[in-house]
């Protein structure tokens, strides 16, 4: 039995093609692959280097698909501090969908 590797939490919102999804970045969301297949993802919110909150277990399809819907469905678990305008937009999502 070897030494377990440290978990790698990738900052969310940065795509391989160089595009960015600012809400994930603004909320300091990260994701970690729990398995190599690649689901499920563990989504965390990083308040500081040592203050990390687990938000959800999810799939790639849900988290990287309709991102606003994902935020809407997990809105009560996210710390929106400093992002109240974004929270308002997300919470109105279903009314506009």
PDB file of N, CA and C in Angstrom:
ATOM      1  N   UNK A   1       0.857  -1.181   0.000  1.00  0.00           N
ATOM      2  CA  UNK A   1       0.000   0.000   0.000  1.00  0.00           C
ATOM      3  C   UNK A   1       0.895   1.233   0.000  1.00  0.00           C
ATOM      4  N   UNK A   2       0.716   2.075  -0.994  1.00  0.00           N
ATOM      5  CA  UNK A   2       1.536   3.274  -1.114  1.00  0.00           C
ATOM      6  C   UNK A   2       0.936   4.457  -0.384  1.00  0.00           C
ATOM      7  N   UNK A   3       1.617   5.553  -0.482  1.00  0.00           N
ATOM      8  CA  UNK A   3       1.146   6.807   0.109  1.00  0.00           C
ATOM      9  C   UNK A   3       0.063   7.380  -0.791  1.00  0.00           C
ATOM     10  N   UNK A   4      -1.101   7.701  -0.230  1.00  0.00           N
ATOM     11  CA  UNK A   4      -2.165   8.265  -1.077  1.00  0.00           C
ATOM     12  C   UNK A   4      -1.759   9.620  -1.638  1.00  0.00           C
ATOM     13  N   UNK A   5      -2.129   9.842  -2.866  1.00  0.00           N
ATOM     14  CA  UNK A   5      -1.847  11.117  -3.505  1.00  0.00           C
ATOM     15  C   UNK A   5      -2.780  12.185  -2.964  1.00  0.00           C
ATOM     16  N   UNK A   6      -2.316  13.426  -2.893  1.00  0.00           N
ATOM     17  CA  UNK A   6      -3.205  14.496  -2.419  1.00  0.00           C
ATOM     18  C   UNK A   6      -4.325  14.753  -3.432  1.00  0.00           C
ATOM     19  N   UNK A   7      -5.459  15.163  -2.919  1.00  0.00           N
ATOM     20  CA  UNK A   7      -6.567  15.506  -3.809  1.00  0.00           C
ATOM     21  C   UNK A   7      -6.222  16.776  -4.576  1.00  0.00           C
ATOM     22  N   UNK A   8      -6.569  16.776  -5.837  1.00  0.00           N
ATOM     23  CA  UNK A   8      -6.336  17.953  -6.669  1.00  0.00           C
ATOM     24  C   UNK A   8      -7.684  18.579  -6.959  1.00  0.00           C
ATOM     25  N   UNK A   9      -7.864  19.791  -6.481  1.00  0.00           N
ATOM     26  CA  UNK A   9      -9.091  20.538  -6.728  1.00  0.00           C
ATOM     27  C   UNK A   9      -8.807  21.536  -7.843  1.00  0.00           C
ATOM     28  N   UNK A  10      -9.410  21.316  -8.991  1.00  0.00           N
ATOM     29  CA  UNK A  10      -9.197  22.195 -10.137  1.00  0.00           C
ATOM     30  C   UNK A  10     -10.147  23.385 -10.033  1.00  0.00           C
ATOM     31  N   UNK A  11      -9.621  24.595 -10.215  1.00  0.00           N
ATOM     32  CA  UNK A  11     -10.519  25.754 -10.242  1.00  0.00           C
ATOM     33  C   UNK A  11     -11.512  25.613 -11.400  1.00  0.00           C
ATOM     34  N   UNK A  12     -12.768  25.796 -11.112  1.00  0.00           N
ATOM     35  CA  UNK A  12     -13.807  25.695 -12.138  1.00  0.00           C
ATOM     36  C   UNK A  12     -13.941  27.020 -12.875  1.00  0.00           C
ATOM     37  N   UNK A  13     -14.416  26.937 -14.099  1.00  0.00           N
ATOM     38  CA  UNK A  13     -14.669  28.141 -14.880  1.00  0.00           C
ATOM     39  C   UNK A  13     -13.645  28.380 -15.973  1.00  0.00           C
ATOM     40  N   UNK A  14     -12.606  27.551 -16.036  1.00  0.00           N
ATOM     41  CA  UNK A  14     -11.561  27.693 -17.050  1.00  0.00           C
ATOM     42  C   UNK A  14     -11.607  26.482 -17.970  1.00  0.00           C
ATOM     43  N   UNK A  15     -12.022  26.694 -19.211  1.00  0.00           N
ATOM     44  CA  UNK A  15     -12.142  25.596 -20.172  1.00  0.00           C
ATOM     45  C   UNK A  15     -10.813  25.345 -20.878  1.00  0.00           C
ATOM     46  N   UNK A  16     -10.668  24.142 -21.402  1.00  0.00           N
ATOM     47  CA  UNK A  16      -9.445  23.786 -22.127  1.00  0.00           C
ATOM     48  C   UNK A  16      -9.218  24.673 -23.346  1.00  0.00           C
ATOM     49  N   UNK A  17     -10.297  25.188 -23.933  1.00  0.00           N
ATOM     50  CA  UNK A  17     -10.165  26.034 -25.125  1.00  0.00           C
ATOM     51  C   UNK A  17      -9.804  27.483 -24.782  1.00  0.00           C
ATOM     52  N   UNK A  18      -9.627  27.765 -23.471  1.00  0.00           N
ATOM     53  CA  UNK A  18      -9.246  29.110 -23.040  1.00  0.00           C
ATOM     54  C   UNK A  18     -10.416  29.993 -22.646  1.00  0.00           C
ATOM     55  N   UNK A  19     -11.634  29.533 -22.900  1.00  0.00           N
ATOM     56  CA  UNK A  19     -12.799  30.336 -22.515  1.00  0.00           C
ATOM     57  C   UNK A  19     -12.993  30.252 -20.998  1.00  0.00           C
ATOM     58  N   UNK A  20     -13.731  31.223 -20.483  1.00  0.00           N
ATOM     59  CA  UNK A  20     -13.967  31.288 -19.044  1.00  0.00           C
ATOM     60  C   UNK A  20     -15.449  31.425 -18.755  1.00  0.00           C
ATOM     61  N   UNK A  21     -15.870  30.825 -17.663  1.00  0.00           N
ATOM     62  CA  UNK A  21     -17.231  31.002 -17.157  1.00  0.00           C
ATOM     63  C   UNK A  21     -17.094  31.757 -15.841  1.00  0.00           C
ATOM     64  N   UNK A  22     -17.274  33.068 -15.907  1.00  0.00           N
ATOM     65  CA  UNK A  22     -16.997  33.967 -14.779  1.00  0.00           C
ATOM     66  C   UNK A  22     -17.771  33.639 -13.497  1.00  0.00           C
ATOM     67  N   UNK A  23     -19.031  33.220 -13.551  1.00  0.00           N
ATOM     68  CA  UNK A  23     -19.713  32.915 -12.289  1.00  0.00           C
ATOM     69  C   UNK A  23     -19.006  31.838 -11.454  1.00  0.00           C
ATOM     70  N   UNK A  24     -18.527  30.756 -12.084  1.00  0.00           N
ATOM     71  CA  UNK A  24     -17.810  29.727 -11.326  1.00  0.00           C
ATOM     72  C   UNK A  24     -16.524  30.311 -10.732  1.00  0.00           C
ATOM     73  N   UNK A  25     -15.849  31.147 -11.498  1.00  0.00           N
ATOM     74  CA  UNK A  25     -14.607  31.765 -11.022  1.00  0.00           C
ATOM     75  C   UNK A  25     -14.910  32.723  -9.880  1.00  0.00           C
ATOM     76  N   UNK A  26     -15.900  33.569 -10.059  1.00  0.00           N
ATOM     77  CA  UNK A  26     -16.284  34.567  -9.053  1.00  0.00           C
ATOM     78  C   UNK A  26     -16.675  33.907  -7.729  1.00  0.00           C
ATOM     79  N   UNK A  27     -17.346  32.765  -7.802  1.00  0.00           N
ATOM     80  CA  UNK A  27     -17.791  32.060  -6.600  1.00  0.00           C
ATOM     81  C   UNK A  27     -16.703  31.153  -6.015  1.00  0.00           C
ATOM     82  N   UNK A  28     -15.558  31.103  -6.657  1.00  0.00           N
ATOM     83  CA  UNK A  28     -14.414  30.301  -6.214  1.00  0.00           C
ATOM     84  C   UNK A  28     -14.766  28.815  -6.131  1.00  0.00           C
ATOM     85  N   UNK A  29     -15.505  28.340  -7.147  1.00  0.00           N
ATOM     86  CA  UNK A  29     -15.862  26.930  -7.204  1.00  0.00           C
ATOM     87  C   UNK A  29     -14.701  26.132  -7.794  1.00  0.00           C
ATOM     88  N   UNK A  30     -14.522  24.943  -7.263  1.00  0.00           N
ATOM     89  CA  UNK A  30     -13.506  24.009  -7.730  1.00  0.00           C
ATOM     90  C   UNK A  30     -14.175  22.651  -7.908  1.00  0.00           C
ATOM     91  N   UNK A  31     -13.500  21.770  -8.630  1.00  0.00           N
ATOM     92  CA  UNK A  31     -14.034  20.416  -8.785  1.00  0.00           C
ATOM     93  C   UNK A  31     -12.903  19.405  -8.689  1.00  0.00           C
ATOM     94  N   UNK A  32     -13.276  18.217  -8.228  1.00  0.00           N
ATOM     95  CA  UNK A  32     -12.315  17.133  -8.059  1.00  0.00           C
ATOM     96  C   UNK A  32     -12.930  15.853  -8.616  1.00  0.00           C
ATOM     97  N   UNK A  33     -12.168  15.147  -9.418  1.00  0.00           N
ATOM     98  CA  UNK A  33     -12.623  13.876  -9.987  1.00  0.00           C
ATOM     99  C   UNK A  33     -12.453  12.781  -8.924  1.00  0.00           C
ATOM    100  N   UNK A  34     -13.548  12.197  -8.485  1.00  0.00           N
ATOM    101  CA  UNK A  34     -13.459  11.146  -7.472  1.00  0.00           C
ATOM    102  C   UNK A  34     -13.032   9.809  -8.059  1.00  0.00           C
ATOM    103  N   UNK A  35     -13.274   9.631  -9.351  1.00  0.00           N
ATOM    104  CA  UNK A  35     -12.880   8.413 -10.043  1.00  0.00           C
ATOM    105  C   UNK A  35     -12.262   8.808 -11.372  1.00  0.00           C
ATOM    106  N   UNK A  36     -11.688   7.851 -12.048  1.00  0.00           N
ATOM    107  CA  UNK A  36     -11.044   8.157 -13.322  1.00  0.00           C
ATOM    108  C   UNK A  36     -11.970   8.010 -14.510  1.00  0.00           C
ATOM    109  N   UNK A  37     -13.269   7.761 -14.279  1.00  0.00           N
ATOM    110  CA  UNK A  37     -14.153   7.408 -15.401  1.00  0.00           C
ATOM    111  C   UNK A  37     -14.954   8.522 -16.080  1.00  0.00           C
ATOM    112  N   UNK A  38     -15.167   9.661 -15.817  1.00  0.00           N
ATOM    113  CA  UNK A  38     -14.741  10.728 -14.919  1.00  0.00           C
ATOM    114  C   UNK A  38     -15.771  11.135 -13.865  1.00  0.00           C
ATOM    115  N   UNK A  39     -16.940  10.479 -13.785  1.00  0.00           N
ATOM    116  CA  UNK A  39     -17.942  10.878 -12.794  1.00  0.00           C
ATOM    117  C   UNK A  39     -17.823  10.004 -11.552  1.00  0.00           C
ATOM    118  N   UNK A  40     -18.208  10.474 -10.404  1.00  0.00           N
ATOM    119  CA  UNK A  40     -18.774  11.797 -10.124  1.00  0.00           C
ATOM    120  C   UNK A  40     -17.695  12.840  -9.868  1.00  0.00           C
ATOM    121  N   UNK A  41     -18.149  14.085  -9.888  1.00  0.00           N
ATOM    122  CA  UNK A  41     -17.307  15.222  -9.521  1.00  0.00           C
ATOM    123  C   UNK A  41     -17.709  15.681  -8.128  1.00  0.00           C
ATOM    124  N   UNK A  42     -16.731  16.026  -7.326  1.00  0.00           N
ATOM    125  CA  UNK A  42     -16.978  16.682  -6.054  1.00  0.00           C
ATOM    126  C   UNK A  42     -16.767  18.169  -6.292  1.00  0.00           C
ATOM    127  N   UNK A  43     -17.800  18.974  -6.067  1.00  0.00           N
ATOM    128  CA  UNK A  43     -17.710  20.420  -6.253  1.00  0.00           C
ATOM    129  C   UNK A  43     -17.527  21.061  -4.883  1.00  0.00           C
ATOM    130  N   UNK A  44     -16.529  21.927  -4.788  1.00  0.00           N
ATOM    131  CA  UNK A  44     -16.224  22.615  -3.539  1.00  0.00           C
ATOM    132  C   UNK A  44     -16.169  24.117  -3.769  1.00  0.00           C
ATOM    133  N   UNK A  45     -16.355  24.861  -2.686  1.00  0.00           N
ATOM    134  CA  UNK A  45     -16.212  26.312  -2.729  1.00  0.00           C
ATOM    135  C   UNK A  45     -15.087  26.667  -1.768  1.00  0.00           C
ATOM    136  N   UNK A  46     -14.103  27.394  -2.272  1.00  0.00           N
ATOM    137  CA  UNK A  46     -12.912  27.722  -1.495  1.00  0.00           C
ATOM    138  C   UNK A  46     -12.991  29.166  -1.013  1.00  0.00           C
ATOM    139  N   UNK A  47     -13.185  29.325   0.277  1.00  0.00           N
ATOM    140  CA  UNK A  47     -13.276  30.659   0.875  1.00  0.00           C
ATOM    141  C   UNK A  47     -11.889  31.235   1.132  1.00  0.00           C
ATOM    142  N   UNK A  48     -10.947  30.381   1.418  1.00  0.00           N
ATOM    143  CA  UNK A  48      -9.555  30.740   1.648  1.00  0.00           C
ATOM    144  C   UNK A  48      -8.753  29.474   1.380  1.00  0.00           C
ATOM    145  N   UNK A  49      -7.436  29.572   1.461  1.00  0.00           N
ATOM    146  CA  UNK A  49      -6.614  28.401   1.165  1.00  0.00           C
ATOM    147  C   UNK A  49      -6.969  27.198   2.028  1.00  0.00           C
ATOM    148  N   UNK A  50      -7.345  27.438   3.256  1.00  0.00           N
ATOM    149  CA  UNK A  50      -7.619  26.322   4.156  1.00  0.00           C
ATOM    150  C   UNK A  50      -9.091  26.192   4.530  1.00  0.00           C
ATOM    151  N   UNK A  51      -9.950  26.974   3.920  1.00  0.00           N
ATOM    152  CA  UNK A  51     -11.379  26.933   4.232  1.00  0.00           C
ATOM    153  C   UNK A  51     -12.131  26.488   2.980  1.00  0.00           C
ATOM    154  N   UNK A  52     -12.467  25.202   2.958  1.00  0.00           N
ATOM    155  CA  UNK A  52     -13.081  24.586   1.780  1.00  0.00           C
ATOM    156  C   UNK A  52     -14.390  23.943   2.197  1.00  0.00           C
ATOM    157  N   UNK A  53     -15.443  24.217   1.435  1.00  0.00           N
ATOM    158  CA  UNK A  53     -16.760  23.663   1.718  1.00  0.00           C
ATOM    159  C   UNK A  53     -17.190  22.755   0.569  1.00  0.00           C
ATOM    160  N   UNK A  54     -17.669  21.567   0.904  1.00  0.00           N
ATOM    161  CA  UNK A  54     -18.233  20.678  -0.099  1.00  0.00           C
ATOM    162  C   UNK A  54     -19.615  21.180  -0.484  1.00  0.00           C
ATOM    163  N   UNK A  55     -19.862  21.333  -1.767  1.00  0.00           N
ATOM    164  CA  UNK A  55     -21.148  21.834  -2.250  1.00  0.00           C
ATOM    165  C   UNK A  55     -22.007  20.695  -2.781  1.00  0.00           C
ATOM    166  N   UNK A  56     -21.436  19.822  -3.611  1.00  0.00           N
ATOM    167  CA  UNK A  56     -22.265  18.786  -4.227  1.00  0.00           C
ATOM    168  C   UNK A  56     -21.423  17.692  -4.866  1.00  0.00           C
ATOM    169  N   UNK A  57     -22.038  16.528  -5.018  1.00  0.00           N
ATOM    170  CA  UNK A  57     -21.556  15.500  -5.926  1.00  0.00           C
ATOM    171  C   UNK A  57     -22.411  15.627  -7.170  1.00  0.00           C
ATOM    172  N   UNK A  58     -21.774  15.629  -8.326  1.00  0.00           N
ATOM    173  CA  UNK A  58     -22.511  15.870  -9.560  1.00  0.00           C
ATOM    174  C   UNK A  58     -21.835  15.134 -10.708  1.00  0.00           C
ATOM    175  N   UNK A  59     -22.387  15.293 -11.885  1.00  0.00           N
ATOM    176  CA  UNK A  59     -21.807  14.698 -13.092  1.00  0.00           C
ATOM    177  C   UNK A  59     -21.187  15.791 -13.955  1.00  0.00           C
ATOM    178  N   UNK A  60     -20.304  15.374 -14.853  1.00  0.00           N
ATOM    179  CA  UNK A  60     -19.746  16.320 -15.817  1.00  0.00           C
ATOM    180  C   UNK A  60     -20.852  16.983 -16.631  1.00  0.00           C
ATOM    181  N   UNK A  61     -21.788  16.168 -17.084  1.00  0.00           N
ATOM    182  CA  UNK A  61     -22.870  16.682 -17.926  1.00  0.00           C
ATOM    183  C   UNK A  61     -23.645  17.791 -17.218  1.00  0.00           C
ATOM    184  N   UNK A  62     -23.973  17.581 -15.951  1.00  0.00           N
ATOM    185  CA  UNK A  62     -24.744  18.591 -15.211  1.00  0.00           C
ATOM    186  C   UNK A  62     -23.910  19.832 -14.922  1.00  0.00           C
ATOM    187  N   UNK A  63     -22.678  19.656 -14.472  1.00  0.00           N
ATOM    188  CA  UNK A  63     -21.846  20.776 -14.015  1.00  0.00           C
ATOM    189  C   UNK A  63     -21.309  21.624 -15.166  1.00  0.00           C
ATOM    190  N   UNK A  64     -20.960  20.974 -16.257  1.00  0.00           N
ATOM    191  CA  UNK A  64     -20.383  21.699 -17.392  1.00  0.00           C
ATOM    192  C   UNK A  64     -21.374  21.915 -18.527  1.00  0.00           C
ATOM    193  N   UNK A  65     -22.587  21.402 -18.375  1.00  0.00           N
ATOM    194  CA  UNK A  65     -23.630  21.605 -19.383  1.00  0.00           C
ATOM    195  C   UNK A  65     -24.307  22.949 -19.176  1.00  0.00           C
ATOM    196  N   UNK A  66     -25.504  22.917 -18.651  1.00  0.00           N
ATOM    197  CA  UNK A  66     -26.263  24.145 -18.378  1.00  0.00           C
ATOM    198  C   UNK A  66     -25.800  24.680 -17.014  1.00  0.00           C
ATOM    199  N   UNK A  67     -24.784  25.512 -17.030  1.00  0.00           N
ATOM    200  CA  UNK A  67     -24.150  25.987 -15.797  1.00  0.00           C
ATOM    201  C   UNK A  67     -25.078  26.839 -14.937  1.00  0.00           C
ATOM    202  N   UNK A  68     -25.897  27.654 -15.560  1.00  0.00           N
ATOM    203  CA  UNK A  68     -26.826  28.479 -14.778  1.00  0.00           C
ATOM    204  C   UNK A  68     -27.836  27.583 -14.065  1.00  0.00           C
ATOM    205  N   UNK A  69     -28.330  26.569 -14.745  1.00  0.00           N
ATOM    206  CA  UNK A  69     -29.247  25.636 -14.102  1.00  0.00           C
ATOM    207  C   UNK A  69     -28.556  24.952 -12.925  1.00  0.00           C
ATOM    208  N   UNK A  70     -27.284  24.553 -13.091  1.00  0.00           N
ATOM    209  CA  UNK A  70     -26.568  23.899 -12.004  1.00  0.00           C
ATOM    210  C   UNK A  70     -26.475  24.845 -10.800  1.00  0.00           C
ATOM    211  N   UNK A  71     -26.132  26.101 -11.042  1.00  0.00           N
ATOM    212  CA  UNK A  71     -26.067  27.075  -9.946  1.00  0.00           C
ATOM    213  C   UNK A  71     -27.431  27.250  -9.294  1.00  0.00           C
ATOM    214  N   UNK A  72     -28.477  27.318 -10.110  1.00  0.00           N
ATOM    215  CA  UNK A  72     -29.839  27.464  -9.588  1.00  0.00           C
ATOM    216  C   UNK A  72     -30.200  26.289  -8.683  1.00  0.00           C
ATOM    217  N   UNK A  73     -29.919  25.090  -9.137  1.00  0.00           N
ATOM    218  CA  UNK A  73     -30.284  23.895  -8.372  1.00  0.00           C
ATOM    219  C   UNK A  73     -29.484  23.752  -7.077  1.00  0.00           C
ATOM    220  N   UNK A  74     -28.348  24.423  -6.980  1.00  0.00           N
ATOM    221  CA  UNK A  74     -27.498  24.328  -5.790  1.00  0.00           C
ATOM    222  C   UNK A  74     -27.371  25.669  -5.067  1.00  0.00           C
ATOM    223  N   UNK A  75     -28.253  26.606  -5.388  1.00  0.00           N
ATOM    224  CA  UNK A  75     -28.151  27.972  -4.861  1.00  0.00           C
ATOM    225  C   UNK A  75     -28.153  28.040  -3.346  1.00  0.00           C
ATOM    226  N   UNK A  76     -28.909  27.171  -2.693  1.00  0.00           N
ATOM    227  CA  UNK A  76     -28.987  27.224  -1.231  1.00  0.00           C
ATOM    228  C   UNK A  76     -27.738  26.696  -0.549  1.00  0.00           C
ATOM    229  N   UNK A  77     -26.840  26.076  -1.298  1.00  0.00           N
ATOM    230  CA  UNK A  77     -25.608  25.528  -0.733  1.00  0.00           C
ATOM    231  C   UNK A  77     -24.394  26.426  -0.966  1.00  0.00           C
ATOM    232  N   UNK A  78     -24.564  27.440  -1.787  1.00  0.00           N
ATOM    233  CA  UNK A  78     -23.447  28.310  -2.188  1.00  0.00           C
ATOM    234  C   UNK A  78     -23.397  29.544  -1.302  1.00  0.00           C
ATOM    235  N   UNK A  79     -22.191  29.947  -0.934  1.00  0.00           N
ATOM    236  CA  UNK A  79     -21.992  31.211  -0.227  1.00  0.00           C
ATOM    237  C   UNK A  79     -21.912  32.305  -1.295  1.00  0.00           C
ATOM    238  N   UNK A  80     -22.919  33.144  -1.333  1.00  0.00           N
ATOM    239  CA  UNK A  80     -23.021  34.186  -2.357  1.00  0.00           C
ATOM    240  C   UNK A  80     -22.412  35.508  -1.894  1.00  0.00           C
ATOM    241  N   UNK A  81     -21.757  35.538  -0.751  1.00  0.00           N
ATOM    242  CA  UNK A  81     -21.197  36.771  -0.208  1.00  0.00           C
ATOM    243  C   UNK A  81     -20.401  37.551  -1.249  1.00  0.00           C
ATOM    244  N   UNK A  82     -20.795  38.792  -1.487  1.00  0.00           N
ATOM    245  CA  UNK A  82     -20.132  39.631  -2.485  1.00  0.00           C
ATOM    246  C   UNK A  82     -20.610  39.397  -3.901  1.00  0.00           C
ATOM    247  N   UNK A  83     -21.533  38.477  -4.085  1.00  0.00           N
ATOM    248  CA  UNK A  83     -22.027  38.142  -5.423  1.00  0.00           C
ATOM    249  C   UNK A  83     -23.554  38.179  -5.461  1.00  0.00           C
ATOM    250  N   UNK A  84     -24.121  39.125  -4.762  1.00  0.00           N
ATOM    251  CA  UNK A  84     -25.578  39.192  -4.646  1.00  0.00           C
ATOM    252  C   UNK A  84     -26.263  39.418  -5.988  1.00  0.00           C
ATOM    253  N   UNK A  85     -25.666  40.212  -6.870  1.00  0.00           N
ATOM    254  CA  UNK A  85     -26.260  40.425  -8.196  1.00  0.00           C
ATOM    255  C   UNK A  85     -26.296  39.125  -8.988  1.00  0.00           C
ATOM    256  N   UNK A  86     -25.229  38.359  -8.917  1.00  0.00           N
ATOM    257  CA  UNK A  86     -25.183  37.064  -9.582  1.00  0.00           C
ATOM    258  C   UNK A  86     -26.225  36.126  -8.980  1.00  0.00           C
ATOM    259  N   UNK A  87     -26.340  36.117  -7.668  1.00  0.00           N
ATOM    260  CA  UNK A  87     -27.336  35.271  -7.022  1.00  0.00           C
ATOM    261  C   UNK A  87     -28.740  35.618  -7.510  1.00  0.00           C
ATOM    262  N   UNK A  88     -29.042  36.899  -7.620  1.00  0.00           N
ATOM    263  CA  UNK A  88     -30.366  37.332  -8.083  1.00  0.00           C
ATOM    264  C   UNK A  88     -30.633  36.821  -9.497  1.00  0.00           C
ATOM    265  N   UNK A  89     -29.630  36.930 -10.374  1.00  0.00           N
ATOM    266  CA  UNK A  89     -29.783  36.443 -11.750  1.00  0.00           C
ATOM    267  C   UNK A  89     -30.020  34.939 -11.768  1.00  0.00           C
ATOM    268  N   UNK A  90     -29.272  34.207 -10.959  1.00  0.00           N
ATOM    269  CA  UNK A  90     -29.398  32.750 -10.932  1.00  0.00           C
ATOM    270  C   UNK A  90     -30.762  32.341 -10.389  1.00  0.00           C
ATOM    271  N   UNK A  91     -31.205  32.990  -9.328  1.00  0.00           N
ATOM    272  CA  UNK A  91     -32.484  32.620  -8.717  1.00  0.00           C
ATOM    273  C   UNK A  91     -33.672  32.954  -9.636  1.00  0.00           C
ATOM    274  N   UNK A  92     -33.505  33.848 -10.585  1.00  0.00           N
ATOM    275  CA  UNK A  92     -34.550  34.177 -11.551  1.00  0.00           C
ATOM    276  C   UNK A  92     -34.485  33.290 -12.797  1.00  0.00           C
ATOM    277  N   UNK A  93     -33.536  32.389 -12.839  1.00  0.00           N
ATOM    278  CA  UNK A  93     -33.286  31.568 -14.022  1.00  0.00           C
ATOM    279  C   UNK A  93     -34.522  30.818 -14.501  1.00  0.00           C
ATOM    280  N   UNK A  94     -35.205  30.125 -13.614  1.00  0.00           N
ATOM    281  CA  UNK A  94     -36.348  29.300 -14.014  1.00  0.00           C
ATOM    282  C   UNK A  94     -37.456  30.149 -14.610  1.00  0.00           C
ATOM    283  N   UNK A  95     -37.621  31.346 -14.111  1.00  0.00           N
ATOM    284  CA  UNK A  95     -38.656  32.228 -14.647  1.00  0.00           C
ATOM    285  C   UNK A  95     -38.379  32.625 -16.089  1.00  0.00           C
ATOM    286  N   UNK A  96     -37.106  32.604 -16.482  1.00  0.00           N
ATOM    287  CA  UNK A  96     -36.738  33.025 -17.824  1.00  0.00           C
ATOM    288  C   UNK A  96     -36.448  31.854 -18.759  1.00  0.00           C
ATOM    289  N   UNK A  97     -36.402  30.655 -18.232  1.00  0.00           N
ATOM    290  CA  UNK A  97     -36.028  29.492 -19.063  1.00  0.00           C
ATOM    291  C   UNK A  97     -37.165  29.037 -19.931  1.00  0.00           C
TER     292      UNK A  97
END
